[in-house]
Amino acid sequence: MTKVPETLYCVSFEDYSADGALAAEMLSALEVEFSTWIDRENRRVIHTVYSLDLAGADEAEQQIREQMEFWKEIGIEADNIQRSVLSGIDWSEAWKKYFHPIEISERLLILPSWLENPNRPGQKVLTIDPGMSFGTGQHATTLFCLKVIDKLGAEKENLSLLDAGCGSGILAIAGSLCGFAPIDAFDFDPDAVMITKENMELNHVSGFEPVTADAADYQGRPEKYDLVCANILAHLLKSFKNNIVSWVKPGGYLALAGILEEEFQSVVDAYTALGFELVEAETLKEWRSGLFRKK
């Protein structure tokens, strides 16, 4: 068994390219030891070069800085070079520094399990870990839906909720903590449904059973829902729009997320044509999300 070194000197940088593999190939050409960490949910790629001594890290940083101008010419957009030292490293723990608590409001906090609960009086804490990146609250579109759930839950109790494309289950679980009932949740990926169940157990939440289903034909409750959160890509929101609008009660709300800013207006047009009005919209990074109300 290879002994893990007591100290590693690290040089990291962020890669904003469409294809993070190209920078990885360039690092391989420099014959350095490195790893690539991919946060698919937030479209972040971080490459880290490791050295056993400080001099090696200095050399690696110099090489990277010298190469960046050439990399730019071949389509690699890289920046934000940082230095760090890892002592007694546990590789499975290294990525945790990229995840932080997210305070949705005084009523709701999203907290990774390895961080201490601040115990704010009256605040519900939703514990969730990155796992397979099915939804942690870090992503702009998930954050929008969480704020909608928190806001509507504060205005009225026992609103019904459908989490369409539940991923990690974060929205359905947040709904439960914010007083929504009844709640339904589905995802086309059975792995996501399994993760949702695990996160329900982690948060001591029950009362709904996530299922494997597709937005193209999912029916839901006959009485429909006060709020539907559909954190689904824009082309699917448009393809399945007739079924999606059928889930919402008259006067109910539909939170649509997972939409790139340049695609947003076409989604608005599709849903306003089906009897919905845009109540509010928010842009975070390159993503735009909207809250619609059924007339």
C-alpha atoms as a PDB file:
ATOM      1  CA  MET A   1       0.000   0.000   0.000  1.00  0.00           C
ATOM      2  CA  THR A   2       1.388   3.407  -0.979  1.00  0.00           C
ATOM      3  CA  LYS A   3       1.965   5.666   1.988  1.00  0.00           C
ATOM      4  CA  VAL A   4       0.077   8.962   1.828  1.00  0.00           C
ATOM      5  CA  PRO A   5       2.558  11.853   2.289  1.00  0.00           C
ATOM      6  CA  GLU A   6       2.168  13.907   5.435  1.00  0.00           C
ATOM      7  CA  THR A   7       2.183  17.182   3.492  1.00  0.00           C
ATOM      8  CA  LEU A   8       1.298  18.092  -0.068  1.00  0.00           C
ATOM      9  CA  TYR A   9       1.875  21.520  -1.617  1.00  0.00           C
ATOM     10  CA  CYS A  10      -0.935  22.405  -4.008  1.00  0.00           C
ATOM     11  CA  VAL A  11      -1.493  24.791  -6.905  1.00  0.00           C
ATOM     12  CA  SER A  12      -5.134  25.060  -7.990  1.00  0.00           C
ATOM     13  CA  PHE A  13      -6.919  27.013 -10.682  1.00  0.00           C
ATOM     14  CA  GLU A  14     -10.454  27.257 -12.032  1.00  0.00           C
ATOM     15  CA  ASP A  15     -11.265  26.175 -15.570  1.00  0.00           C
ATOM     16  CA  TYR A  16     -14.207  27.982 -17.216  1.00  0.00           C
ATOM     17  CA  SER A  17     -13.848  26.213 -20.573  1.00  0.00           C
ATOM     18  CA  ALA A  18     -16.645  24.293 -22.228  1.00  0.00           C
ATOM     19  CA  ASP A  19     -14.440  21.211 -22.090  1.00  0.00           C
ATOM     20  CA  GLY A  20     -12.385  20.810 -18.914  1.00  0.00           C
ATOM     21  CA  ALA A  21     -10.618  17.812 -20.417  1.00  0.00           C
ATOM     22  CA  LEU A  22      -8.438  20.025 -22.614  1.00  0.00           C
ATOM     23  CA  ALA A  23      -6.705  21.672 -19.652  1.00  0.00           C
ATOM     24  CA  ALA A  24      -6.238  18.234 -18.115  1.00  0.00           C
ATOM     25  CA  GLU A  25      -4.421  17.155 -21.283  1.00  0.00           C
ATOM     26  CA  MET A  26      -2.160  20.200 -21.059  1.00  0.00           C
ATOM     27  CA  LEU A  27      -1.323  19.414 -17.430  1.00  0.00           C
ATOM     28  CA  SER A  28      -0.494  15.853 -18.429  1.00  0.00           C
ATOM     29  CA  ALA A  29       1.933  17.245 -20.997  1.00  0.00           C
ATOM     30  CA  LEU A  30       3.683  19.170 -18.205  1.00  0.00           C
ATOM     31  CA  GLU A  31       4.217  15.796 -16.470  1.00  0.00           C
ATOM     32  CA  VAL A  32       2.832  16.960 -13.123  1.00  0.00           C
ATOM     33  CA  GLU A  33       0.704  15.069 -10.610  1.00  0.00           C
ATOM     34  CA  PHE A  34      -2.773  16.561 -10.574  1.00  0.00           C
ATOM     35  CA  SER A  35      -6.450  15.909 -10.005  1.00  0.00           C
ATOM     36  CA  THR A  36      -9.585  17.455 -11.515  1.00  0.00           C
ATOM     37  CA  TRP A  37     -12.631  18.206  -9.373  1.00  0.00           C
ATOM     38  CA  ILE A  38     -15.898  18.732 -11.262  1.00  0.00           C
ATOM     39  CA  ASP A  39     -18.975  20.395  -9.738  1.00  0.00           C
ATOM     40  CA  ARG A  40     -21.468  19.663 -12.515  1.00  0.00           C
ATOM     41  CA  GLU A  41     -24.286  21.389 -10.722  1.00  0.00           C
ATOM     42  CA  ASN A  42     -22.532  24.762 -10.782  1.00  0.00           C
ATOM     43  CA  ARG A  43     -20.478  24.122 -13.931  1.00  0.00           C
ATOM     44  CA  ARG A  44     -17.191  24.548 -12.056  1.00  0.00           C
ATOM     45  CA  VAL A  45     -13.984  22.700 -12.822  1.00  0.00           C
ATOM     46  CA  ILE A  46     -10.966  22.981 -10.532  1.00  0.00           C
ATOM     47  CA  HIS A  47      -7.597  21.467 -11.417  1.00  0.00           C
ATOM     48  CA  THR A  48      -5.084  20.944  -8.608  1.00  0.00           C
ATOM     49  CA  VAL A  49      -1.387  20.157  -9.077  1.00  0.00           C
ATOM     50  CA  TYR A  50       0.378  18.436  -6.181  1.00  0.00           C
ATOM     51  CA  SER A  51       4.019  18.529  -5.102  1.00  0.00           C
ATOM     52  CA  LEU A  52       5.910  16.889  -2.263  1.00  0.00           C
ATOM     53  CA  ASP A  53       7.916  20.047  -1.573  1.00  0.00           C
ATOM     54  CA  LEU A  54       7.564  23.811  -1.775  1.00  0.00           C
ATOM     55  CA  ALA A  55      10.094  24.178  -4.579  1.00  0.00           C
ATOM     56  CA  GLY A  56       8.094  21.784  -6.762  1.00  0.00           C
ATOM     57  CA  ALA A  57       4.923  23.783  -6.148  1.00  0.00           C
ATOM     58  CA  ASP A  58       6.719  27.016  -7.034  1.00  0.00           C
ATOM     59  CA  GLU A  59       7.876  25.475 -10.296  1.00  0.00           C
ATOM     60  CA  ALA A  60       4.385  24.152 -11.074  1.00  0.00           C
ATOM     61  CA  GLU A  61       2.811  27.557 -10.494  1.00  0.00           C
ATOM     62  CA  GLN A  62       5.375  29.223 -12.733  1.00  0.00           C
ATOM     63  CA  GLN A  63       4.711  26.676 -15.500  1.00  0.00           C
ATOM     64  CA  ILE A  64       0.960  27.187 -15.267  1.00  0.00           C
ATOM     65  CA  ARG A  65       1.243  30.975 -15.382  1.00  0.00           C
ATOM     66  CA  GLU A  66       3.579  30.793 -18.381  1.00  0.00           C
ATOM     67  CA  GLN A  67       1.238  28.408 -20.216  1.00  0.00           C
ATOM     68  CA  MET A  68      -2.015  30.284 -19.623  1.00  0.00           C
ATOM     69  CA  GLU A  69      -1.580  32.688 -22.533  1.00  0.00           C
ATOM     70  CA  PHE A  70      -1.044  29.769 -24.922  1.00  0.00           C
ATOM     71  CA  TRP A  71      -3.941  27.878 -23.352  1.00  0.00           C
ATOM     72  CA  LYS A  72      -6.206  30.850 -24.011  1.00  0.00           C
ATOM     73  CA  GLU A  73      -5.366  30.695 -27.721  1.00  0.00           C
ATOM     74  CA  ILE A  74      -6.539  27.061 -27.930  1.00  0.00           C
ATOM     75  CA  GLY A  75      -9.786  27.679 -26.030  1.00  0.00           C
ATOM     76  CA  ILE A  76      -8.871  27.105 -22.393  1.00  0.00           C
ATOM     77  CA  GLU A  77     -10.318  29.797 -20.117  1.00  0.00           C
ATOM     78  CA  ALA A  78      -8.483  29.488 -16.807  1.00  0.00           C
ATOM     79  CA  ASP A  79      -7.970  31.854 -13.900  1.00  0.00           C
ATOM     80  CA  ASN A  80      -7.895  32.215 -10.118  1.00  0.00           C
ATOM     81  CA  ILE A  81      -4.626  30.423  -9.304  1.00  0.00           C
ATOM     82  CA  GLN A  82      -4.425  29.591  -5.602  1.00  0.00           C
ATOM     83  CA  ARG A  83      -1.879  27.941  -3.321  1.00  0.00           C
ATOM     84  CA  SER A  84      -2.650  25.651  -0.395  1.00  0.00           C
ATOM     85  CA  VAL A  85      -1.069  23.021   1.802  1.00  0.00           C
ATOM     86  CA  LEU A  86      -2.769  19.736   2.664  1.00  0.00           C
ATOM     87  CA  SER A  87      -1.594  18.022   5.809  1.00  0.00           C
ATOM     88  CA  GLY A  88      -2.481  14.453   6.735  1.00  0.00           C
ATOM     89  CA  ILE A  89      -4.836  14.499   3.779  1.00  0.00           C
ATOM     90  CA  ASP A  90      -7.935  12.407   3.553  1.00  0.00           C
ATOM     91  CA  TRP A  91      -8.672  12.518  -0.192  1.00  0.00           C
ATOM     92  CA  SER A  92     -12.384  11.853   0.281  1.00  0.00           C
ATOM     93  CA  GLU A  93     -12.651  15.011   2.391  1.00  0.00           C
ATOM     94  CA  ALA A  94     -10.728  17.446   0.195  1.00  0.00           C
ATOM     95  CA  TRP A  95     -13.698  18.754  -1.818  1.00  0.00           C
ATOM     96  CA  LYS A  96     -15.696  19.775   1.264  1.00  0.00           C
ATOM     97  CA  LYS A  97     -14.166  23.247   1.378  1.00  0.00           C
ATOM     98  CA  TYR A  98     -16.224  24.194  -1.686  1.00  0.00           C
ATOM     99  CA  PHE A  99     -19.580  23.769   0.081  1.00  0.00           C
ATOM    100  CA  HIS A 100     -20.954  26.223   2.622  1.00  0.00           C
ATOM    101  CA  PRO A 101     -24.178  26.823   4.590  1.00  0.00           C
ATOM    102  CA  ILE A 102     -26.911  28.579   2.592  1.00  0.00           C
ATOM    103  CA  GLU A 103     -29.336  30.696   4.572  1.00  0.00           C
ATOM    104  CA  ILE A 104     -32.556  30.904   2.566  1.00  0.00           C
ATOM    105  CA  SER A 105     -34.198  33.026   5.258  1.00  0.00           C
ATOM    106  CA  GLU A 106     -34.546  33.265   9.026  1.00  0.00           C
ATOM    107  CA  ARG A 107     -36.845  30.241   8.660  1.00  0.00           C
ATOM    108  CA  LEU A 108     -34.686  27.917   6.569  1.00  0.00           C
ATOM    109  CA  LEU A 109     -30.982  26.983   6.413  1.00  0.00           C
ATOM    110  CA  ILE A 110     -29.301  24.480   4.072  1.00  0.00           C
ATOM    111  CA  LEU A 111     -26.381  22.862   5.891  1.00  0.00           C
ATOM    112  CA  PRO A 112     -23.803  20.234   4.820  1.00  0.00           C
ATOM    113  CA  SER A 113     -23.677  17.515   7.456  1.00  0.00           C
ATOM    114  CA  TRP A 114     -20.021  18.083   8.388  1.00  0.00           C
ATOM    115  CA  LEU A 115     -20.610  21.715   9.468  1.00  0.00           C
ATOM    116  CA  GLU A 116     -21.856  22.827  12.859  1.00  0.00           C
ATOM    117  CA  ASN A 117     -25.511  23.795  13.219  1.00  0.00           C
ATOM    118  CA  PRO A 118     -25.698  27.469  14.304  1.00  0.00           C
ATOM    119  CA  ASN A 119     -28.971  26.721  16.136  1.00  0.00           C
ATOM    120  CA  ARG A 120     -30.749  29.921  15.205  1.00  0.00           C
ATOM    121  CA  PRO A 121     -34.047  30.055  17.158  1.00  0.00           C
ATOM    122  CA  GLY A 122     -37.007  29.004  15.025  1.00  0.00           C
ATOM    123  CA  GLN A 123     -34.903  28.196  11.958  1.00  0.00           C
ATOM    124  CA  LYS A 124     -35.425  24.864  10.211  1.00  0.00           C
ATOM    125  CA  VAL A 125     -32.209  23.161   9.133  1.00  0.00           C
ATOM    126  CA  LEU A 126     -32.136  21.008   6.013  1.00  0.00           C
ATOM    127  CA  THR A 127     -29.074  18.757   6.067  1.00  0.00           C
ATOM    128  CA  ILE A 128     -27.799  17.695   2.678  1.00  0.00           C
ATOM    129  CA  ASP A 129     -24.432  16.647   1.241  1.00  0.00           C
ATOM    130  CA  PRO A 130     -23.102  16.938  -2.330  1.00  0.00           C
ATOM    131  CA  GLY A 131     -23.251  13.186  -2.951  1.00  0.00           C
ATOM    132  CA  MET A 132     -23.735  12.648  -6.672  1.00  0.00           C
ATOM    133  CA  SER A 133     -24.587  16.342  -7.265  1.00  0.00           C
ATOM    134  CA  PHE A 134     -28.314  15.725  -7.655  1.00  0.00           C
ATOM    135  CA  GLY A 135     -29.073  19.032  -5.933  1.00  0.00           C
ATOM    136  CA  THR A 136     -27.496  20.703  -2.915  1.00  0.00           C
ATOM    137  CA  GLY A 137     -28.880  24.227  -2.986  1.00  0.00           C
ATOM    138  CA  GLN A 138     -25.585  25.570  -4.356  1.00  0.00           C
ATOM    139  CA  HIS A 139     -26.983  25.857  -7.870  1.00  0.00           C
ATOM    140  CA  ALA A 140     -28.784  29.067  -8.844  1.00  0.00           C
ATOM    141  CA  THR A 141     -31.917  27.287 -10.080  1.00  0.00           C
ATOM    142  CA  THR A 142     -32.273  25.160  -6.936  1.00  0.00           C
ATOM    143  CA  LEU A 143     -31.791  28.283  -4.836  1.00  0.00           C
ATOM    144  CA  PHE A 144     -34.643  30.066  -6.616  1.00  0.00           C
ATOM    145  CA  CYS A 145     -37.056  27.214  -5.952  1.00  0.00           C
ATOM    146  CA  LEU A 146     -36.004  27.062  -2.292  1.00  0.00           C
ATOM    147  CA  LYS A 147     -36.778  30.765  -1.891  1.00  0.00           C
ATOM    148  CA  VAL A 148     -40.197  30.295  -3.490  1.00  0.00           C
ATOM    149  CA  ILE A 149     -40.999  27.387  -1.161  1.00  0.00           C
ATOM    150  CA  ASP A 150     -39.874  29.373   1.874  1.00  0.00           C
ATOM    151  CA  LYS A 151     -41.875  32.464   0.870  1.00  0.00           C
ATOM    152  CA  LEU A 152     -45.139  30.696   0.015  1.00  0.00           C
ATOM    153  CA  GLY A 153     -44.846  28.421   3.039  1.00  0.00           C
ATOM    154  CA  ALA A 154     -44.617  31.469   5.286  1.00  0.00           C
ATOM    155  CA  GLU A 155     -47.760  32.965   3.773  1.00  0.00           C
ATOM    156  CA  LYS A 156     -50.075  29.970   4.145  1.00  0.00           C
ATOM    157  CA  GLU A 157     -49.997  26.539   5.782  1.00  0.00           C
ATOM    158  CA  ASN A 158     -50.753  23.149   4.213  1.00  0.00           C
ATOM    159  CA  LEU A 159     -50.189  24.095   0.602  1.00  0.00           C
ATOM    160  CA  SER A 160     -49.724  21.079  -1.651  1.00  0.00           C
ATOM    161  CA  LEU A 161     -46.402  20.663  -3.439  1.00  0.00           C
ATOM    162  CA  LEU A 162     -45.059  18.658  -6.364  1.00  0.00           C
ATOM    163  CA  ASP A 163     -41.286  18.381  -6.811  1.00  0.00           C
ATOM    164  CA  ALA A 164     -40.910  17.458 -10.476  1.00  0.00           C
ATOM    165  CA  GLY A 165     -37.423  16.155 -11.203  1.00  0.00           C
ATOM    166  CA  CYS A 166     -36.645  15.842  -7.497  1.00  0.00           C
ATOM    167  CA  GLY A 167     -32.932  14.980  -7.811  1.00  0.00           C
ATOM    168  CA  SER A 168     -31.680  14.896  -4.228  1.00  0.00           C
ATOM    169  CA  GLY A 169     -35.148  15.636  -2.860  1.00  0.00           C
ATOM    170  CA  ILE A 170     -34.020  18.974  -1.478  1.00  0.00           C
ATOM    171  CA  LEU A 171     -37.130  20.858  -2.626  1.00  0.00           C
ATOM    172  CA  ALA A 172     -39.633  18.284  -1.370  1.00  0.00           C
ATOM    173  CA  ILE A 173     -37.795  18.058   1.964  1.00  0.00           C
ATOM    174  CA  ALA A 174     -37.682  21.852   2.237  1.00  0.00           C
ATOM    175  CA  GLY A 175     -41.416  21.894   1.537  1.00  0.00           C
ATOM    176  CA  SER A 176     -42.022  19.450   4.358  1.00  0.00           C
ATOM    177  CA  LEU A 177     -39.961  21.550   6.766  1.00  0.00           C
ATOM    178  CA  CYS A 178     -41.856  24.684   5.665  1.00  0.00           C
ATOM    179  CA  GLY A 179     -45.284  23.153   6.305  1.00  0.00           C
ATOM    180  CA  PHE A 180     -46.366  22.003   2.842  1.00  0.00           C
ATOM    181  CA  ALA A 181     -48.748  19.033   2.730  1.00  0.00           C
ATOM    182  CA  PRO A 182     -49.492  16.897   0.878  1.00  0.00           C
ATOM    183  CA  ILE A 183     -46.209  16.522  -1.048  1.00  0.00           C
ATOM    184  CA  ASP A 184     -45.317  14.391  -4.055  1.00  0.00           C
ATOM    185  CA  ALA A 185     -41.960  13.979  -5.767  1.00  0.00           C
ATOM    186  CA  PHE A 186     -40.669  12.132  -8.818  1.00  0.00           C
ATOM    187  CA  ASP A 187     -37.598  11.798 -10.994  1.00  0.00           C
ATOM    188  CA  PHE A 188     -36.910   9.819 -14.154  1.00  0.00           C
ATOM    189  CA  ASP A 189     -33.624   8.576 -12.641  1.00  0.00           C
ATOM    190  CA  PRO A 190     -34.087   5.775 -10.086  1.00  0.00           C
ATOM    191  CA  ASP A 191     -30.745   6.702  -8.501  1.00  0.00           C
ATOM    192  CA  ALA A 192     -32.117  10.175  -7.759  1.00  0.00           C
ATOM    193  CA  VAL A 193     -35.211   8.640  -6.159  1.00  0.00           C
ATOM    194  CA  MET A 194     -32.955   6.498  -3.978  1.00  0.00           C
ATOM    195  CA  ILE A 195     -30.911   9.565  -2.956  1.00  0.00           C
ATOM    196  CA  THR A 196     -34.125  11.429  -2.127  1.00  0.00           C
ATOM    197  CA  LYS A 197     -35.197   8.633   0.202  1.00  0.00           C
ATOM    198  CA  GLU A 198     -31.810   8.669   1.922  1.00  0.00           C
ATOM    199  CA  ASN A 199     -31.995  12.443   2.407  1.00  0.00           C
ATOM    200  CA  MET A 200     -35.529  12.153   3.792  1.00  0.00           C
ATOM    201  CA  GLU A 201     -34.200   9.739   6.401  1.00  0.00           C
ATOM    202  CA  LEU A 202     -31.242  12.016   7.144  1.00  0.00           C
ATOM    203  CA  ASN A 203     -33.654  14.903   7.806  1.00  0.00           C
ATOM    204  CA  HIS A 204     -36.241  12.802   9.670  1.00  0.00           C
ATOM    205  CA  VAL A 205     -38.866  13.670   7.066  1.00  0.00           C
ATOM    206  CA  SER A 206     -41.706  11.358   6.069  1.00  0.00           C
ATOM    207  CA  GLY A 207     -45.197  11.717   4.674  1.00  0.00           C
ATOM    208  CA  PHE A 208     -44.418  11.347   0.981  1.00  0.00           C
ATOM    209  CA  GLU A 209     -42.968   8.641  -1.223  1.00  0.00           C
ATOM    210  CA  PRO A 210     -40.772   9.709  -4.160  1.00  0.00           C
ATOM    211  CA  VAL A 211     -41.308   7.647  -7.299  1.00  0.00           C
ATOM    212  CA  THR A 212     -39.573   7.002 -10.602  1.00  0.00           C
ATOM    213  CA  ALA A 213     -41.568   8.687 -13.382  1.00  0.00           C
ATOM    214  CA  ASP A 214     -41.238  10.924 -16.415  1.00  0.00           C
ATOM    215  CA  ALA A 215     -42.505  14.492 -16.858  1.00  0.00           C
ATOM    216  CA  ALA A 216     -43.977  13.471 -20.211  1.00  0.00           C
ATOM    217  CA  ASP A 217     -46.738  11.384 -18.621  1.00  0.00           C
ATOM    218  CA  TYR A 218     -46.722  11.837 -14.824  1.00  0.00           C
ATOM    219  CA  GLN A 219     -50.269  12.509 -13.596  1.00  0.00           C
ATOM    220  CA  GLY A 220     -50.028  13.398  -9.918  1.00  0.00           C
ATOM    221  CA  ARG A 221     -53.018  14.047  -7.665  1.00  0.00           C
ATOM    222  CA  PRO A 222     -56.474  14.522  -9.180  1.00  0.00           C
ATOM    223  CA  GLU A 223     -56.970  17.654  -7.040  1.00  0.00           C
ATOM    224  CA  LYS A 224     -53.738  19.179  -8.455  1.00  0.00           C
ATOM    225  CA  TYR A 225     -51.130  21.258  -6.589  1.00  0.00           C
ATOM    226  CA  ASP A 226     -50.805  24.718  -5.064  1.00  0.00           C
ATOM    227  CA  LEU A 227     -47.129  24.798  -6.055  1.00  0.00           C
ATOM    228  CA  VAL A 228     -45.210  22.809  -8.643  1.00  0.00           C
ATOM    229  CA  CYS A 229     -41.429  23.139  -8.787  1.00  0.00           C
ATOM    230  CA  ALA A 230     -40.011  21.940 -12.090  1.00  0.00           C
ATOM    231  CA  ASN A 231     -36.237  22.270 -12.049  1.00  0.00           C
ATOM    232  CA  ILE A 232     -35.908  20.788 -15.533  1.00  0.00           C
ATOM    233  CA  LEU A 233     -33.944  21.877 -18.614  1.00  0.00           C
ATOM    234  CA  ALA A 234     -35.675  24.342 -20.926  1.00  0.00           C
ATOM    235  CA  HIS A 235     -36.198  22.023 -23.894  1.00  0.00           C
ATOM    236  CA  LEU A 236     -37.990  19.544 -21.621  1.00  0.00           C
ATOM    237  CA  LEU A 237     -40.099  22.289 -20.039  1.00  0.00           C
ATOM    238  CA  LYS A 238     -41.287  23.205 -23.517  1.00  0.00           C
ATOM    239  CA  SER A 239     -41.671  19.644 -24.808  1.00  0.00           C
ATOM    240  CA  PHE A 240     -43.776  18.551 -21.803  1.00  0.00           C
ATOM    241  CA  LYS A 241     -45.561  21.857 -21.193  1.00  0.00           C
ATOM    242  CA  ASN A 242     -49.087  20.518 -21.723  1.00  0.00           C
ATOM    243  CA  ASN A 243     -48.635  17.872 -19.066  1.00  0.00           C
ATOM    244  CA  ILE A 244     -46.758  20.193 -16.688  1.00  0.00           C
ATOM    245  CA  VAL A 245     -49.493  22.843 -16.664  1.00  0.00           C
ATOM    246  CA  SER A 246     -52.081  20.152 -15.876  1.00  0.00           C
ATOM    247  CA  TRP A 247     -50.457  19.602 -12.470  1.00  0.00           C
ATOM    248  CA  VAL A 248     -51.252  23.120 -11.219  1.00  0.00           C
ATOM    249  CA  LYS A 249     -54.510  24.196  -9.560  1.00  0.00           C
ATOM    250  CA  PRO A 250     -56.286  27.301 -10.884  1.00  0.00           C
ATOM    251  CA  GLY A 251     -54.668  30.134  -8.966  1.00  0.00           C
ATOM    252  CA  GLY A 252     -51.711  27.898  -8.124  1.00  0.00           C
ATOM    253  CA  TYR A 253     -48.040  28.539  -8.763  1.00  0.00           C
ATOM    254  CA  LEU A 254     -45.436  27.003 -11.050  1.00  0.00           C
ATOM    255  CA  ALA A 255     -41.731  27.581 -10.395  1.00  0.00           C
ATOM    256  CA  LEU A 256     -39.708  26.886 -13.533  1.00  0.00           C
ATOM    257  CA  ALA A 257     -35.939  26.647 -13.253  1.00  0.00           C
ATOM    258  CA  GLY A 258     -33.012  25.090 -15.093  1.00  0.00           C
ATOM    259  CA  ILE A 259     -33.294  27.692 -17.859  1.00  0.00           C
ATOM    260  CA  LEU A 260     -30.359  29.434 -19.500  1.00  0.00           C
ATOM    261  CA  GLU A 261     -30.950  33.174 -19.776  1.00  0.00           C
ATOM    262  CA  GLU A 262     -31.084  33.166 -23.575  1.00  0.00           C
ATOM    263  CA  GLU A 263     -33.804  30.459 -23.493  1.00  0.00           C
ATOM    264  CA  PHE A 264     -35.995  32.088 -20.860  1.00  0.00           C
ATOM    265  CA  GLN A 265     -38.245  34.192 -23.078  1.00  0.00           C
ATOM    266  CA  SER A 266     -39.222  31.204 -25.204  1.00  0.00           C
ATOM    267  CA  VAL A 267     -40.277  29.374 -22.021  1.00  0.00           C
ATOM    268  CA  VAL A 268     -42.281  32.411 -20.880  1.00  0.00           C
ATOM    269  CA  ASP A 269     -44.031  32.560 -24.257  1.00  0.00           C
ATOM    270  CA  ALA A 270     -44.871  28.852 -24.135  1.00  0.00           C
ATOM    271  CA  TYR A 271     -46.468  29.044 -20.675  1.00  0.00           C
ATOM    272  CA  THR A 272     -48.255  32.375 -21.005  1.00  0.00           C
ATOM    273  CA  ALA A 273     -49.928  30.930 -24.113  1.00  0.00           C
ATOM    274  CA  LEU A 274     -51.318  28.194 -21.855  1.00  0.00           C
ATOM    275  CA  GLY A 275     -52.927  30.549 -19.339  1.00  0.00           C
ATOM    276  CA  PHE A 276     -50.095  31.412 -16.963  1.00  0.00           C
ATOM    277  CA  GLU A 277     -48.744  34.817 -15.973  1.00  0.00           C
ATOM    278  CA  LEU A 278     -45.159  35.521 -14.965  1.00  0.00           C
ATOM    279  CA  VAL A 279     -45.181  36.767 -11.358  1.00  0.00           C
ATOM    280  CA  GLU A 280     -41.444  37.186 -10.794  1.00  0.00           C
ATOM    281  CA  ALA A 281     -38.128  36.207 -12.313  1.00  0.00           C
ATOM    282  CA  GLU A 282     -34.550  36.062 -11.123  1.00  0.00           C
ATOM    283  CA  THR A 283     -31.199  35.749 -12.848  1.00  0.00           C
ATOM    284  CA  LEU A 284     -28.271  34.144 -11.043  1.00  0.00           C
ATOM    285  CA  LYS A 285     -25.099  33.574 -13.029  1.00  0.00           C
ATOM    286  CA  GLU A 286     -26.187  32.401 -16.506  1.00  0.00           C
ATOM    287  CA  TRP A 287     -29.450  30.900 -15.237  1.00  0.00           C
ATOM    288  CA  ARG A 288     -32.881  32.599 -15.193  1.00  0.00           C
ATOM    289  CA  SER A 289     -35.831  31.204 -13.271  1.00  0.00           C
ATOM    290  CA  GLY A 290     -39.451  32.277 -13.079  1.00  0.00           C
ATOM    291  CA  LEU A 291     -42.493  31.958 -10.849  1.00  0.00           C
ATOM    292  CA  PHE A 292     -45.743  31.661 -12.796  1.00  0.00           C
ATOM    293  CA  ARG A 293     -49.365  31.762 -11.603  1.00  0.00           C
ATOM    294  CA  LYS A 294     -52.194  29.892 -13.260  1.00  0.00           C
ATOM    295  CA  LYS A 295     -55.019  32.259 -14.125  1.00  0.00           C
END
